[in-house]
PDB file of N, CA and C in Angstrom:
ATOM      1  N   MET A   1    -101.167  64.304  66.662  1.00  0.00           N
ATOM      2  CA  MET A   1    -100.464  63.980  65.448  1.00  0.00           C
ATOM      3  C   MET A   1     -99.383  62.964  65.762  1.00  0.00           C
ATOM      4  N   LYS A   2     -99.256  61.972  64.933  1.00  0.00           N
ATOM      5  CA  LYS A   2     -98.215  60.962  65.069  1.00  0.00           C
ATOM      6  C   LYS A   2     -96.937  61.465  64.406  1.00  0.00           C
ATOM      7  N   ILE A   3     -95.830  60.944  64.840  1.00  0.00           N
ATOM      8  CA  ILE A   3     -94.551  61.348  64.274  1.00  0.00           C
ATOM      9  C   ILE A   3     -94.527  61.083  62.778  1.00  0.00           C
ATOM     10  N   LYS A   4     -95.109  59.958  62.339  1.00  0.00           N
ATOM     11  CA  LYS A   4     -95.083  59.639  60.914  1.00  0.00           C
ATOM     12  C   LYS A   4     -95.857  60.648  60.072  1.00  0.00           C
ATOM     13  N   GLU A   5     -96.785  61.398  60.691  1.00  0.00           N
ATOM     14  CA  GLU A   5     -97.538  62.411  59.962  1.00  0.00           C
ATOM     15  C   GLU A   5     -96.739  63.692  59.755  1.00  0.00           C
ATOM     16  N   LEU A   6     -95.634  63.837  60.482  1.00  0.00           N
ATOM     17  CA  LEU A   6     -94.846  65.063  60.365  1.00  0.00           C
ATOM     18  C   LEU A   6     -94.264  65.259  58.973  1.00  0.00           C
ATOM     19  N   LEU A   7     -93.824  64.201  58.338  1.00  0.00           N
ATOM     20  CA  LEU A   7     -93.223  64.347  57.014  1.00  0.00           C
ATOM     21  C   LEU A   7     -94.190  65.028  56.054  1.00  0.00           C
ATOM     22  N   HIS A   8     -95.436  64.627  56.117  1.00  0.00           N
ATOM     23  CA  HIS A   8     -96.446  65.260  55.272  1.00  0.00           C
ATOM     24  C   HIS A   8     -96.652  66.721  55.687  1.00  0.00           C
ATOM     25  N   ARG A   9     -96.746  66.946  56.977  1.00  0.00           N
ATOM     26  CA  ARG A   9     -97.001  68.303  57.475  1.00  0.00           C
ATOM     27  C   ARG A   9     -95.864  69.257  57.146  1.00  0.00           C
ATOM     28  N   TRP A  10     -94.631  68.762  57.165  1.00  0.00           N
ATOM     29  CA  TRP A  10     -93.492  69.626  56.901  1.00  0.00           C
ATOM     30  C   TRP A  10     -93.469  70.138  55.471  1.00  0.00           C
ATOM     31  N   ASN A  11     -94.205  69.499  54.615  1.00  0.00           N
ATOM     32  CA  ASN A  11     -94.297  69.982  53.243  1.00  0.00           C
ATOM     33  C   ASN A  11     -95.388  71.037  53.086  1.00  0.00           C
ATOM     34  N   GLU A  12     -96.085  71.351  54.157  1.00  0.00           N
ATOM     35  CA  GLU A  12     -97.125  72.365  54.171  1.00  0.00           C
ATOM     36  C   GLU A  12     -96.765  73.424  55.199  1.00  0.00           C
ATOM     37  N   SER A  13     -97.525  74.487  55.235  1.00  0.00           N
ATOM     38  CA  SER A  13     -97.306  75.533  56.235  1.00  0.00           C
ATOM     39  C   SER A  13     -97.969  75.149  57.542  1.00  0.00           C
ATOM     40  N   ALA A  14     -97.359  75.530  58.615  1.00  0.00           N
ATOM     41  CA  ALA A  14     -97.927  75.279  59.940  1.00  0.00           C
ATOM     42  C   ALA A  14     -97.961  76.591  60.701  1.00  0.00           C
ATOM     43  N   ASN A  15     -99.023  76.771  61.467  1.00  0.00           N
ATOM     44  CA  ASN A  15     -99.094  77.965  62.300  1.00  0.00           C
ATOM     45  C   ASN A  15     -99.960  77.671  63.504  1.00  0.00           C
ATOM     46  N   GLY A  16     -99.944  78.567  64.455  1.00  0.00           N
ATOM     47  CA  GLY A  16    -100.720  78.433  65.675  1.00  0.00           C
ATOM     48  C   GLY A  16    -100.090  79.289  66.745  1.00  0.00           C
ATOM     49  N   PRO A  17    -100.826  79.516  67.832  1.00  0.00           N
ATOM     50  CA  PRO A  17    -100.273  80.368  68.889  1.00  0.00           C
ATOM     51  C   PRO A  17     -99.079  79.712  69.570  1.00  0.00           C
ATOM     52  N   LEU A  18     -98.104  80.521  69.889  1.00  0.00           N
ATOM     53  CA  LEU A  18     -96.909  80.047  70.585  1.00  0.00           C
ATOM     54  C   LEU A  18     -96.789  80.766  71.920  1.00  0.00           C
ATOM     55  N   THR A  19     -96.142  80.133  72.874  1.00  0.00           N
ATOM     56  CA  THR A  19     -95.915  80.761  74.170  1.00  0.00           C
ATOM     57  C   THR A  19     -94.866  81.848  74.032  1.00  0.00           C
ATOM     58  N   GLN A  20     -94.822  82.727  75.015  1.00  0.00           N
ATOM     59  CA  GLN A  20     -93.770  83.735  75.072  1.00  0.00           C
ATOM     60  C   GLN A  20     -92.475  83.121  75.594  1.00  0.00           C
ATOM     61  N   GLU A  21     -92.613  81.972  76.272  1.00  0.00           N
ATOM     62  CA  GLU A  21     -91.450  81.305  76.837  1.00  0.00           C
ATOM     63  C   GLU A  21     -90.654  80.606  75.748  1.00  0.00           C
ATOM     64  N   ALA A  22     -89.356  80.616  75.900  1.00  0.00           N
ATOM     65  CA  ALA A  22     -88.482  79.850  75.022  1.00  0.00           C
ATOM     66  C   ALA A  22     -87.790  78.801  75.894  1.00  0.00           C
ATOM     67  N   TYR A  23     -87.597  77.641  75.332  1.00  0.00           N
ATOM     68  CA  TYR A  23     -86.940  76.555  76.050  1.00  0.00           C
ATOM     69  C   TYR A  23     -85.620  76.262  75.370  1.00  0.00           C
ATOM     70  N   GLU A  24     -84.575  76.199  76.145  1.00  0.00           N
ATOM     71  CA  GLU A  24     -83.255  75.924  75.597  1.00  0.00           C
ATOM     72  C   GLU A  24     -82.810  74.551  76.077  1.00  0.00           C
ATOM     73  N   VAL A  25     -82.373  73.729  75.145  1.00  0.00           N
ATOM     74  CA  VAL A  25     -81.905  72.390  75.503  1.00  0.00           C
ATOM     75  C   VAL A  25     -80.567  72.122  74.831  1.00  0.00           C
ATOM     76  N   ARG A  26     -79.793  71.273  75.457  1.00  0.00           N
ATOM     77  CA  ARG A  26     -78.552  70.788  74.848  1.00  0.00           C
ATOM     78  C   ARG A  26     -78.815  69.369  74.409  1.00  0.00           C
ATOM     79  N   LEU A  27     -78.407  69.056  73.208  1.00  0.00           N
ATOM     80  CA  LEU A  27     -78.711  67.761  72.624  1.00  0.00           C
ATOM     81  C   LEU A  27     -77.474  66.882  72.512  1.00  0.00           C
ATOM     82  N   PRO A  28     -77.682  65.576  72.582  1.00  0.00           N
ATOM     83  CA  PRO A  28     -76.582  64.680  72.216  1.00  0.00           C
ATOM     84  C   PRO A  28     -76.225  64.942  70.744  1.00  0.00           C
ATOM     85  N   VAL A  29     -74.971  64.788  70.390  1.00  0.00           N
ATOM     86  CA  VAL A  29     -74.538  65.118  69.030  1.00  0.00           C
ATOM     87  C   VAL A  29     -75.264  64.289  67.980  1.00  0.00           C
ATOM     88  N   GLU A  30     -75.629  63.059  68.316  1.00  0.00           N
ATOM     89  CA  GLU A  30     -76.356  62.227  67.348  1.00  0.00           C
ATOM     90  C   GLU A  30     -77.722  62.830  67.027  1.00  0.00           C
ATOM     91  N   ASP A  31     -78.421  63.332  68.056  1.00  0.00           N
ATOM     92  CA  ASP A  31     -79.723  63.949  67.843  1.00  0.00           C
ATOM     93  C   ASP A  31     -79.583  65.256  67.068  1.00  0.00           C
ATOM     94  N   ALA A  32     -78.564  66.036  67.387  1.00  0.00           N
ATOM     95  CA  ALA A  32     -78.335  67.283  66.665  1.00  0.00           C
ATOM     96  C   ALA A  32     -78.076  67.010  65.183  1.00  0.00           C
ATOM     97  N   ALA A  33     -77.307  65.975  64.895  1.00  0.00           N
ATOM     98  CA  ALA A  33     -77.035  65.624  63.497  1.00  0.00           C
ATOM     99  C   ALA A  33     -78.314  65.205  62.781  1.00  0.00           C
ATOM    100  N   ARG A  34     -79.159  64.452  63.460  1.00  0.00           N
ATOM    101  CA  ARG A  34     -80.414  64.027  62.843  1.00  0.00           C
ATOM    102  C   ARG A  34     -81.338  65.213  62.599  1.00  0.00           C
ATOM    103  N   LEU A  35     -81.360  66.163  63.533  1.00  0.00           N
ATOM    104  CA  LEU A  35     -82.165  67.366  63.321  1.00  0.00           C
ATOM    105  C   LEU A  35     -81.650  68.172  62.135  1.00  0.00           C
ATOM    106  N   GLN A  36     -80.353  68.320  62.048  1.00  0.00           N
ATOM    107  CA  GLN A  36     -79.779  69.073  60.920  1.00  0.00           C
ATOM    108  C   GLN A  36     -80.059  68.369  59.598  1.00  0.00           C
ATOM    109  N   ALA A  37     -80.067  67.051  59.603  1.00  0.00           N
ATOM    110  CA  ALA A  37     -80.410  66.311  58.387  1.00  0.00           C
ATOM    111  C   ALA A  37     -81.844  66.622  57.971  1.00  0.00           C
ATOM    112  N   LEU A  38     -82.759  66.698  58.932  1.00  0.00           N
ATOM    113  CA  LEU A  38     -84.147  67.039  58.622  1.00  0.00           C
ATOM    114  C   LEU A  38     -84.268  68.456  58.073  1.00  0.00           C
ATOM    115  N   VAL A  39     -83.505  69.378  58.637  1.00  0.00           N
ATOM    116  CA  VAL A  39     -83.510  70.762  58.133  1.00  0.00           C
ATOM    117  C   VAL A  39     -83.050  70.791  56.680  1.00  0.00           C
ATOM    118  N   GLU A  40     -82.040  70.018  56.383  1.00  0.00           N
ATOM    119  CA  GLU A  40     -81.540  69.972  55.012  1.00  0.00           C
ATOM    120  C   GLU A  40     -82.550  69.300  54.072  1.00  0.00           C
ATOM    121  N   MET A  41     -83.230  68.284  54.562  1.00  0.00           N
ATOM    122  CA  MET A  41     -84.218  67.585  53.747  1.00  0.00           C
ATOM    123  C   MET A  41     -85.486  68.402  53.531  1.00  0.00           C
ATOM    124  N   PHE A  42     -85.827  69.243  54.498  1.00  0.00           N
ATOM    125  CA  PHE A  42     -87.054  70.034  54.451  1.00  0.00           C
ATOM    126  C   PHE A  42     -86.708  71.514  54.602  1.00  0.00           C
ATOM    127  N   PRO A  43     -86.171  72.112  53.559  1.00  0.00           N
ATOM    128  CA  PRO A  43     -85.677  73.489  53.657  1.00  0.00           C
ATOM    129  C   PRO A  43     -86.771  74.524  53.935  1.00  0.00           C
ATOM    130  N   ARG A  44     -88.027  74.164  53.778  1.00  0.00           N
ATOM    131  CA  ARG A  44     -89.107  75.100  54.107  1.00  0.00           C
ATOM    132  C   ARG A  44     -89.368  75.144  55.610  1.00  0.00           C
ATOM    133  N   ARG A  45     -88.703  74.308  56.361  1.00  0.00           N
ATOM    134  CA  ARG A  45     -88.816  74.282  57.819  1.00  0.00           C
ATOM    135  C   ARG A  45     -87.475  74.659  58.433  1.00  0.00           C
ATOM    136  N   ASN A  46     -87.521  75.538  59.435  1.00  0.00           N
ATOM    137  CA  ASN A  46     -86.277  75.840  60.136  1.00  0.00           C
ATOM    138  C   ASN A  46     -86.138  74.903  61.330  1.00  0.00           C
ATOM    139  N   ILE A  47     -85.006  74.942  61.957  1.00  0.00           N
ATOM    140  CA  ILE A  47     -84.696  74.020  63.045  1.00  0.00           C
ATOM    141  C   ILE A  47     -85.701  74.150  64.196  1.00  0.00           C
ATOM    142  N   HIS A  48     -86.139  75.382  64.464  1.00  0.00           N
ATOM    143  CA  HIS A  48     -87.073  75.609  65.564  1.00  0.00           C
ATOM    144  C   HIS A  48     -88.442  74.987  65.269  1.00  0.00           C
ATOM    145  N   GLU A  49     -88.894  75.106  64.041  1.00  0.00           N
ATOM    146  CA  GLU A  49     -90.169  74.494  63.658  1.00  0.00           C
ATOM    147  C   GLU A  49     -90.086  72.970  63.751  1.00  0.00           C
ATOM    148  N   ILE A  50     -88.992  72.424  63.285  1.00  0.00           N
ATOM    149  CA  ILE A  50     -88.836  70.971  63.327  1.00  0.00           C
ATOM    150  C   ILE A  50     -88.802  70.475  64.767  1.00  0.00           C
ATOM    151  N   ILE A  51     -88.059  71.137  65.617  1.00  0.00           N
ATOM    152  CA  ILE A  51     -88.003  70.735  67.028  1.00  0.00           C
ATOM    153  C   ILE A  51     -89.381  70.862  67.666  1.00  0.00           C
ATOM    154  N   THR A  52     -90.073  71.964  67.411  1.00  0.00           N
ATOM    155  CA  THR A  52     -91.402  72.178  67.980  1.00  0.00           C
ATOM    156  C   THR A  52     -92.364  71.089  67.543  1.00  0.00           C
ATOM    157  N   GLU A  53     -92.363  70.757  66.257  1.00  0.00           N
ATOM    158  CA  GLU A  53     -93.297  69.759  65.741  1.00  0.00           C
ATOM    159  C   GLU A  53     -92.935  68.342  66.195  1.00  0.00           C
ATOM    160  N   LEU A  54     -91.645  68.046  66.271  1.00  0.00           N
ATOM    161  CA  LEU A  54     -91.235  66.745  66.800  1.00  0.00           C
ATOM    162  C   LEU A  54     -91.639  66.600  68.266  1.00  0.00           C
ATOM    163  N   LEU A  55     -91.440  67.639  69.034  1.00  0.00           N
ATOM    164  CA  LEU A  55     -91.806  67.597  70.442  1.00  0.00           C
ATOM    165  C   LEU A  55     -93.313  67.424  70.596  1.00  0.00           C
ATOM    166  N   SER A  56     -94.086  68.164  69.809  1.00  0.00           N
ATOM    167  CA  SER A  56     -95.539  68.044  69.862  1.00  0.00           C
ATOM    168  C   SER A  56     -95.989  66.629  69.513  1.00  0.00           C
ATOM    169  N   ALA A  57     -95.441  66.071  68.451  1.00  0.00           N
ATOM    170  CA  ALA A  57     -95.798  64.706  68.046  1.00  0.00           C
ATOM    171  C   ALA A  57     -95.388  63.699  69.113  1.00  0.00           C
ATOM    172  N   SER A  58     -94.233  63.899  69.705  1.00  0.00           N
ATOM    173  CA  SER A  58     -93.771  62.986  70.764  1.00  0.00           C
ATOM    174  C   SER A  58     -94.667  63.056  71.998  1.00  0.00           C
ATOM    175  N   LEU A  59     -95.101  64.262  72.361  1.00  0.00           N
ATOM    176  CA  LEU A  59     -96.004  64.400  73.500  1.00  0.00           C
ATOM    177  C   LEU A  59     -97.352  63.744  73.219  1.00  0.00           C
ATOM    178  N   ASN A  60     -97.852  63.892  71.991  1.00  0.00           N
ATOM    179  CA  ASN A  60     -99.101  63.223  71.623  1.00  0.00           C
ATOM    180  C   ASN A  60     -98.953  61.708  71.726  1.00  0.00           C
ATOM    181  N   GLU A  61     -97.832  61.206  71.244  1.00  0.00           N
ATOM    182  CA  GLU A  61     -97.592  59.763  71.299  1.00  0.00           C
ATOM    183  C   GLU A  61     -97.435  59.293  72.743  1.00  0.00           C
ATOM    184  N   LEU A  62     -96.727  60.062  73.549  1.00  0.00           N
ATOM    185  CA  LEU A  62     -96.575  59.731  74.965  1.00  0.00           C
ATOM    186  C   LEU A  62     -97.936  59.670  75.642  1.00  0.00           C
ATOM    187  N   GLU A  63     -98.772  60.670  75.372  1.00  0.00           N
ATOM    188  CA  GLU A  63    -100.101  60.719  75.974  1.00  0.00           C
ATOM    189  C   GLU A  63    -100.920  59.481  75.607  1.00  0.00           C
ATOM    190  N   SER A  64    -100.811  59.044  74.375  1.00  0.00           N
ATOM    191  CA  SER A  64    -101.590  57.890  73.936  1.00  0.00           C
ATOM    192  C   SER A  64    -101.064  56.576  74.519  1.00  0.00           C
ATOM    193  N   THR A  65     -99.851  56.584  75.049  1.00  0.00           N
ATOM    194  CA  THR A  65     -99.292  55.358  75.614  1.00  0.00           C
ATOM    195  C   THR A  65     -99.313  55.319  77.136  1.00  0.00           C
ATOM    196  N   LEU A  66     -99.822  56.379  77.772  1.00  0.00           N
ATOM    197  CA  LEU A  66     -99.927  56.342  79.229  1.00  0.00           C
ATOM    198  C   LEU A  66    -100.840  55.181  79.617  1.00  0.00           C
ATOM    199  N   PRO A  67    -100.458  54.419  80.620  1.00  0.00           N
ATOM    200  CA  PRO A  67    -101.239  53.226  80.944  1.00  0.00           C
ATOM    201  C   PRO A  67    -102.570  53.546  81.625  1.00  0.00           C
ATOM    202  N   TYR A  68    -103.580  52.784  81.272  1.00  0.00           N
ATOM    203  CA  TYR A  68    -104.870  52.821  81.957  1.00  0.00           C
ATOM    204  C   TYR A  68    -104.781  51.833  83.110  1.00  0.00           C
ATOM    205  N   ILE A  69    -105.098  52.306  84.293  1.00  0.00           N
ATOM    206  CA  ILE A  69    -105.137  51.430  85.460  1.00  0.00           C
ATOM    207  C   ILE A  69    -106.558  51.505  86.018  1.00  0.00           C
ATOM    208  N   ARG A  70    -107.237  50.381  85.954  1.00  0.00           N
ATOM    209  CA  ARG A  70    -108.642  50.323  86.339  1.00  0.00           C
ATOM    210  C   ARG A  70    -108.815  50.477  87.839  1.00  0.00           C
ATOM    211  N   GLY A  71    -109.674  51.410  88.199  1.00  0.00           N
ATOM    212  CA  GLY A  71    -110.039  51.582  89.601  1.00  0.00           C
ATOM    213  C   GLY A  71    -111.289  50.777  89.920  1.00  0.00           C
ATOM    214  N   ASP A  72    -111.809  50.956  91.110  1.00  0.00           N
ATOM    215  CA  ASP A  72    -113.000  50.223  91.548  1.00  0.00           C
ATOM    216  C   ASP A  72    -114.293  50.967  91.226  1.00  0.00           C
ATOM    217  N   LYS A  73    -114.203  52.275  91.032  1.00  0.00           N
ATOM    218  CA  LYS A  73    -115.388  53.115  90.850  1.00  0.00           C
ATOM    219  C   LYS A  73    -115.878  53.072  89.396  1.00  0.00           C
ATOM    220  N   VAL A  74    -117.181  52.830  89.222  1.00  0.00           N
ATOM    221  CA  VAL A  74    -117.790  52.866  87.897  1.00  0.00           C
ATOM    222  C   VAL A  74    -118.137  54.327  87.606  1.00  0.00           C
ATOM    223  N   VAL A  75    -117.613  54.854  86.484  1.00  0.00           N
ATOM    224  CA  VAL A  75    -117.839  56.258  86.150  1.00  0.00           C
ATOM    225  C   VAL A  75    -118.852  56.441  85.021  1.00  0.00           C
ATOM    226  N   ALA A  76    -119.154  55.381  84.293  1.00  0.00           N
ATOM    227  CA  ALA A  76    -120.119  55.463  83.196  1.00  0.00           C
ATOM    228  C   ALA A  76    -120.440  54.052  82.735  1.00  0.00           C
ATOM    229  N   LEU A  77    -121.382  53.993  81.816  1.00  0.00           N
ATOM    230  CA  LEU A  77    -121.717  52.734  81.152  1.00  0.00           C
ATOM    231  C   LEU A  77    -121.470  52.918  79.667  1.00  0.00           C
ATOM    232  N   ASP A  78    -120.951  51.882  79.018  1.00  0.00           N
ATOM    233  CA  ASP A  78    -120.745  51.988  77.575  1.00  0.00           C
ATOM    234  C   ASP A  78    -122.064  51.778  76.849  1.00  0.00           C
ATOM    235  N   GLU A  79    -122.028  51.824  75.519  1.00  0.00           N
ATOM    236  CA  GLU A  79    -123.255  51.722  74.725  1.00  0.00           C
ATOM    237  C   GLU A  79    -123.973  50.388  74.899  1.00  0.00           C
ATOM    238  N   GLU A  80    -123.282  49.394  75.392  1.00  0.00           N
ATOM    239  CA  GLU A  80    -123.907  48.087  75.638  1.00  0.00           C
ATOM    240  C   GLU A  80    -124.315  47.908  77.095  1.00  0.00           C
ATOM    241  N   GLY A  81    -124.128  48.955  77.899  1.00  0.00           N
ATOM    242  CA  GLY A  81    -124.518  48.890  79.305  1.00  0.00           C
ATOM    243  C   GLY A  81    -123.464  48.325  80.230  1.00  0.00           C
ATOM    244  N   ASP A  82    -122.282  48.054  79.699  1.00  0.00           N
ATOM    245  CA  ASP A  82    -121.201  47.530  80.529  1.00  0.00           C
ATOM    246  C   ASP A  82    -120.524  48.674  81.282  1.00  0.00           C
ATOM    247  N   PRO A  83    -120.059  48.403  82.497  1.00  0.00           N
ATOM    248  CA  PRO A  83    -119.448  49.474  83.291  1.00  0.00           C
ATOM    249  C   PRO A  83    -118.099  49.922  82.721  1.00  0.00           C
ATOM    250  N   ILE A  84    -117.866  51.213  82.853  1.00  0.00           N
ATOM    251  CA  ILE A  84    -116.562  51.796  82.545  1.00  0.00           C
ATOM    252  C   ILE A  84    -116.002  52.270  83.879  1.00  0.00           C
ATOM    253  N   TYR A  85    -114.835  51.768  84.215  1.00  0.00           N
ATOM    254  CA  TYR A  85    -114.234  52.069  85.509  1.00  0.00           C
ATOM    255  C   TYR A  85    -113.289  53.262  85.409  1.00  0.00           C
ATOM    256  N   GLU A  86    -113.183  53.976  86.526  1.00  0.00           N
ATOM    257  CA  GLU A  86    -112.280  55.124  86.556  1.00  0.00           C
ATOM    258  C   GLU A  86    -110.847  54.670  86.303  1.00  0.00           C
ATOM    259  N   ASP A  87    -110.083  55.579  85.734  1.00  0.00           N
ATOM    260  CA  ASP A  87    -108.661  55.342  85.491  1.00  0.00           C
ATOM    261  C   ASP A  87    -107.902  55.918  86.677  1.00  0.00           C
ATOM    262  N   ILE A  88    -107.208  55.074  87.416  1.00  0.00           N
ATOM    263  CA  ILE A  88    -106.433  55.553  88.562  1.00  0.00           C
ATOM    264  C   ILE A  88    -104.937  55.605  88.232  1.00  0.00           C
ATOM    265  N   GLY A  89    -104.626  55.461  86.957  1.00  0.00           N
ATOM    266  CA  GLY A  89    -103.238  55.560  86.506  1.00  0.00           C
ATOM    267  C   GLY A  89    -102.825  57.014  86.338  1.00  0.00           C
ATOM    268  N   PRO A  90    -101.736  57.262  85.648  1.00  0.00           N
ATOM    269  CA  PRO A  90    -101.215  58.617  85.498  1.00  0.00           C
ATOM    270  C   PRO A  90    -101.998  59.487  84.508  1.00  0.00           C
ATOM    271  N   THR A  91    -102.812  58.891  83.656  1.00  0.00           N
ATOM    272  CA  THR A  91    -103.491  59.661  82.606  1.00  0.00           C
ATOM    273  C   THR A  91    -104.390  60.769  83.146  1.00  0.00           C
ATOM    274  N   PRO A  92    -105.286  60.497  84.095  1.00  0.00           N
ATOM    275  CA  PRO A  92    -106.151  61.585  84.567  1.00  0.00           C
ATOM    276  C   PRO A  92    -105.375  62.770  85.141  1.00  0.00           C
ATOM    277  N   ARG A  93    -104.348  62.488  85.894  1.00  0.00           N
ATOM    278  CA  ARG A  93    -103.537  63.577  86.487  1.00  0.00           C
ATOM    279  C   ARG A  93    -102.820  64.358  85.394  1.00  0.00           C
ATOM    280  N   TYR A  94    -102.261  63.654  84.444  1.00  0.00           N
ATOM    281  CA  TYR A  94    -101.579  64.304  83.331  1.00  0.00           C
ATOM    282  C   TYR A  94    -102.552  65.201  82.557  1.00  0.00           C
ATOM    283  N   LEU A  95    -103.728  64.676  82.238  1.00  0.00           N
ATOM    284  CA  LEU A  95    -104.710  65.460  81.490  1.00  0.00           C
ATOM    285  C   LEU A  95    -105.196  66.661  82.289  1.00  0.00           C
ATOM    286  N   GLU A  96    -105.393  66.472  83.583  1.00  0.00           N
ATOM    287  CA  GLU A  96    -105.817  67.579  84.451  1.00  0.00           C
ATOM    288  C   GLU A  96    -104.764  68.690  84.459  1.00  0.00           C
ATOM    289  N   LEU A  97    -103.505  68.309  84.664  1.00  0.00           N
ATOM    290  CA  LEU A  97    -102.434  69.312  84.690  1.00  0.00           C
ATOM    291  C   LEU A  97    -102.255  69.975  83.331  1.00  0.00           C
ATOM    292  N   SER A  98    -102.368  69.192  82.259  1.00  0.00           N
ATOM    293  CA  SER A  98    -102.244  69.754  80.910  1.00  0.00           C
ATOM    294  C   SER A  98    -103.328  70.793  80.652  1.00  0.00           C
ATOM    295  N   GLN A  99    -104.564  70.474  81.039  1.00  0.00           N
ATOM    296  CA  GLN A  99    -105.668  71.416  80.837  1.00  0.00           C
ATOM    297  C   GLN A  99    -105.481  72.673  81.687  1.00  0.00           C
ATOM    298  N   LYS A 100    -105.018  72.492  82.918  1.00  0.00           N
ATOM    299  CA  LYS A 100    -104.769  73.642  83.795  1.00  0.00           C
ATOM    300  C   LYS A 100    -103.740  74.576  83.168  1.00  0.00           C
ATOM    301  N   LYS A 101    -102.638  74.001  82.695  1.00  0.00           N
ATOM    302  CA  LYS A 101    -101.585  74.823  82.090  1.00  0.00           C
ATOM    303  C   LYS A 101    -102.058  75.449  80.781  1.00  0.00           C
ATOM    304  N   LEU A 102    -102.854  74.716  80.010  1.00  0.00           N
ATOM    305  CA  LEU A 102    -103.388  75.260  78.758  1.00  0.00           C
ATOM    306  C   LEU A 102    -104.267  76.476  79.035  1.00  0.00           C
ATOM    307  N   GLN A 103    -105.113  76.393  80.048  1.00  0.00           N
ATOM    308  CA  GLN A 103    -105.966  77.536  80.404  1.00  0.00           C
ATOM    309  C   GLN A 103    -105.121  78.726  80.843  1.00  0.00           C
ATOM    310  N   GLU A 104    -104.038  78.480  81.583  1.00  0.00           N
ATOM    311  CA  GLU A 104    -103.140  79.566  81.986  1.00  0.00           C
ATOM    312  C   GLU A 104    -102.521  80.233  80.761  1.00  0.00           C
ATOM    313  N   TYR A 105    -102.059  79.427  79.803  1.00  0.00           N
ATOM    314  CA  TYR A 105    -101.476  79.989  78.587  1.00  0.00           C
ATOM    315  C   TYR A 105    -102.506  80.771  77.788  1.00  0.00           C
ATOM    316  N   ARG A 106    -103.726  80.248  77.696  1.00  0.00           N
ATOM    317  CA  ARG A 106    -104.778  80.951  76.951  1.00  0.00           C
ATOM    318  C   ARG A 106    -105.103  82.293  77.593  1.00  0.00           C
ATOM    319  N   ARG A 107    -105.111  82.339  78.927  1.00  0.00           N
ATOM    320  CA  ARG A 107    -105.352  83.623  79.609  1.00  0.00           C
ATOM    321  C   ARG A 107    -104.228  84.601  79.298  1.00  0.00           C
ATOM    322  N   LEU A 108    -103.001  84.130  79.300  1.00  0.00           N
ATOM    323  CA  LEU A 108    -101.879  85.004  78.979  1.00  0.00           C
ATOM    324  C   LEU A 108    -101.926  85.504  77.535  1.00  0.00           C
ATOM    325  N   LEU A 109    -102.318  84.627  76.618  1.00  0.00           N
ATOM    326  CA  LEU A 109    -102.430  85.045  75.227  1.00  0.00           C
ATOM    327  C   LEU A 109    -103.549  86.058  75.029  1.00  0.00           C
ATOM    328  N   ALA A 110    -104.640  85.878  75.755  1.00  0.00           N
ATOM    329  CA  ALA A 110    -105.775  86.787  75.629  1.00  0.00           C
ATOM    330  C   ALA A 110    -105.479  88.146  76.258  1.00  0.00           C
ATOM    331  N   ASP A 111    -104.731  88.163  77.349  1.00  0.00           N
ATOM    332  CA  ASP A 111    -104.414  89.403  78.043  1.00  0.00           C
ATOM    333  C   ASP A 111    -102.947  89.378  78.462  1.00  0.00           C
ATOM    334  N   PRO A 112    -102.039  89.756  77.561  1.00  0.00           N
ATOM    335  CA  PRO A 112    -100.598  89.644  77.848  1.00  0.00           C
ATOM    336  C   PRO A 112    -100.087  90.613  78.910  1.00  0.00           C
ATOM    337  N   HIS A 113    -100.923  91.516  79.427  1.00  0.00           N
ATOM    338  CA  HIS A 113    -100.456  92.495  80.419  1.00  0.00           C
ATOM    339  C   HIS A 113    -100.555  91.981  81.796  1.00  0.00           C
TER     340      HIS A 113
END
């Protein structure tokens, strides 16, 4: 989800599984003021929902901007038969770690004991 899509989403209900972990951050006063303005503008959303959704949108945007760095190894061919080279930039590692952590969270959600 892009950040610009949040305004639409905030006018609807949002749900989904959440971690048991809570993250505490201290914000610059300018950011805190902007968050409070959003809470006032979107009273159906509390501060925690807004922070969660902003963070999610920011992570999605960050992921889409990670640079592709072409390696030497051909990993596939496109529909026209042209080679697709492996990505040796940060994206594969980021995606690998994200999937690993996601599987850990899913196991915890499935069996919290």
